[in-house]
């Protein structure tokens, strides 16, 4: 099972990770299969480009930028 620590370590290679959140089902506590990694500017964009579609812990990552 992928944890916030796993994702933080993966993204840290590209720059400072501000926060990591894995979305979970409120009733079961199981992961819903997606989460959010917050980074600043250029390092975040580089991470998106380099990690999208990467096989990580037996799953292929689908990474998109979310504008808040």
Protein backbone atom coordinates (compact mmCIF):
# COMPACT_ATOMS: atom_id res chain seq x y z
CA UNK A 1 0.00 0.00 0.00
CA UNK A 2 1.38 3.38 -1.00
CA UNK A 3 1.71 5.89 1.83
CA UNK A 4 2.15 9.65 1.93
CA UNK A 5 5.79 8.97 2.85
CA UNK A 6 6.29 6.90 -0.32
CA UNK A 7 4.83 9.65 -2.52
CA UNK A 8 6.76 12.37 -0.72
CA UNK A 9 9.99 10.48 -1.33
CA UNK A 10 9.18 9.99 -5.00
CA UNK A 11 8.36 13.66 -5.62
CA UNK A 12 11.16 15.01 -3.39
CA UNK A 13 13.63 14.04 -6.10
CA UNK A 14 12.31 17.04 -8.09
CA UNK A 15 12.08 19.65 -5.32
CA UNK A 16 10.47 20.61 -2.04
CA UNK A 17 7.25 18.76 -1.28
CA UNK A 18 4.86 21.00 0.66
CA UNK A 19 2.20 18.41 1.44
CA UNK A 20 0.91 14.96 0.46
CA UNK A 21 -2.66 13.76 0.93
CA UNK A 22 -4.01 10.33 -0.02
CA UNK A 23 -7.79 10.39 -0.38
CA UNK A 24 -9.55 7.68 1.63
CA UNK A 25 -13.09 6.31 1.89
CA UNK A 26 -14.72 7.78 4.99
CA UNK A 27 -16.35 4.49 6.01
CA UNK A 28 -13.63 1.92 5.32
CA UNK A 29 -10.48 4.03 5.48
CA UNK A 30 -9.26 2.40 2.26
CA UNK A 31 -7.51 4.49 -0.36
CA UNK A 32 -9.68 5.68 -3.23
CA UNK A 33 -6.68 5.36 -5.55
CA UNK A 34 -5.77 9.02 -5.84
CA UNK A 35 -4.17 11.77 -3.86
CA UNK A 36 -2.55 15.17 -4.00
CA UNK A 37 1.09 16.22 -3.85
CA UNK A 38 1.68 19.93 -3.40
CA UNK A 39 4.87 21.47 -4.80
CA UNK A 40 5.84 24.91 -6.06
CA UNK A 41 6.22 26.06 -9.66
CA UNK A 42 8.89 24.61 -11.94
CA UNK A 43 9.83 21.61 -9.74
CA UNK A 44 6.17 20.58 -9.66
CA UNK A 45 5.81 20.88 -13.42
CA UNK A 46 9.00 18.84 -13.92
CA UNK A 47 7.71 16.13 -11.57
CA UNK A 48 4.43 15.95 -13.50
CA UNK A 49 6.24 15.56 -16.80
CA UNK A 50 8.76 12.98 -15.55
CA UNK A 51 6.48 10.85 -13.35
CA UNK A 52 3.27 10.72 -15.40
CA UNK A 53 2.57 7.14 -16.53
CA UNK A 54 5.45 5.79 -14.40
CA UNK A 55 5.03 2.34 -12.84
CA UNK A 56 5.29 2.97 -9.09
CA UNK A 57 4.62 0.23 -6.55
CA UNK A 58 2.84 -1.93 -9.18
CA UNK A 59 0.55 0.90 -10.32
CA UNK A 60 0.86 3.29 -13.22
CA UNK A 61 0.72 6.91 -12.09
CA UNK A 62 -1.62 9.34 -13.82
CA UNK A 63 -0.43 12.78 -12.78
CA UNK A 64 -2.26 16.01 -13.55
CA UNK A 65 -1.83 19.59 -12.41
CA UNK A 66 -4.63 20.94 -10.24
CA UNK A 67 -5.03 24.70 -10.09
CA UNK A 68 -6.32 25.92 -6.74
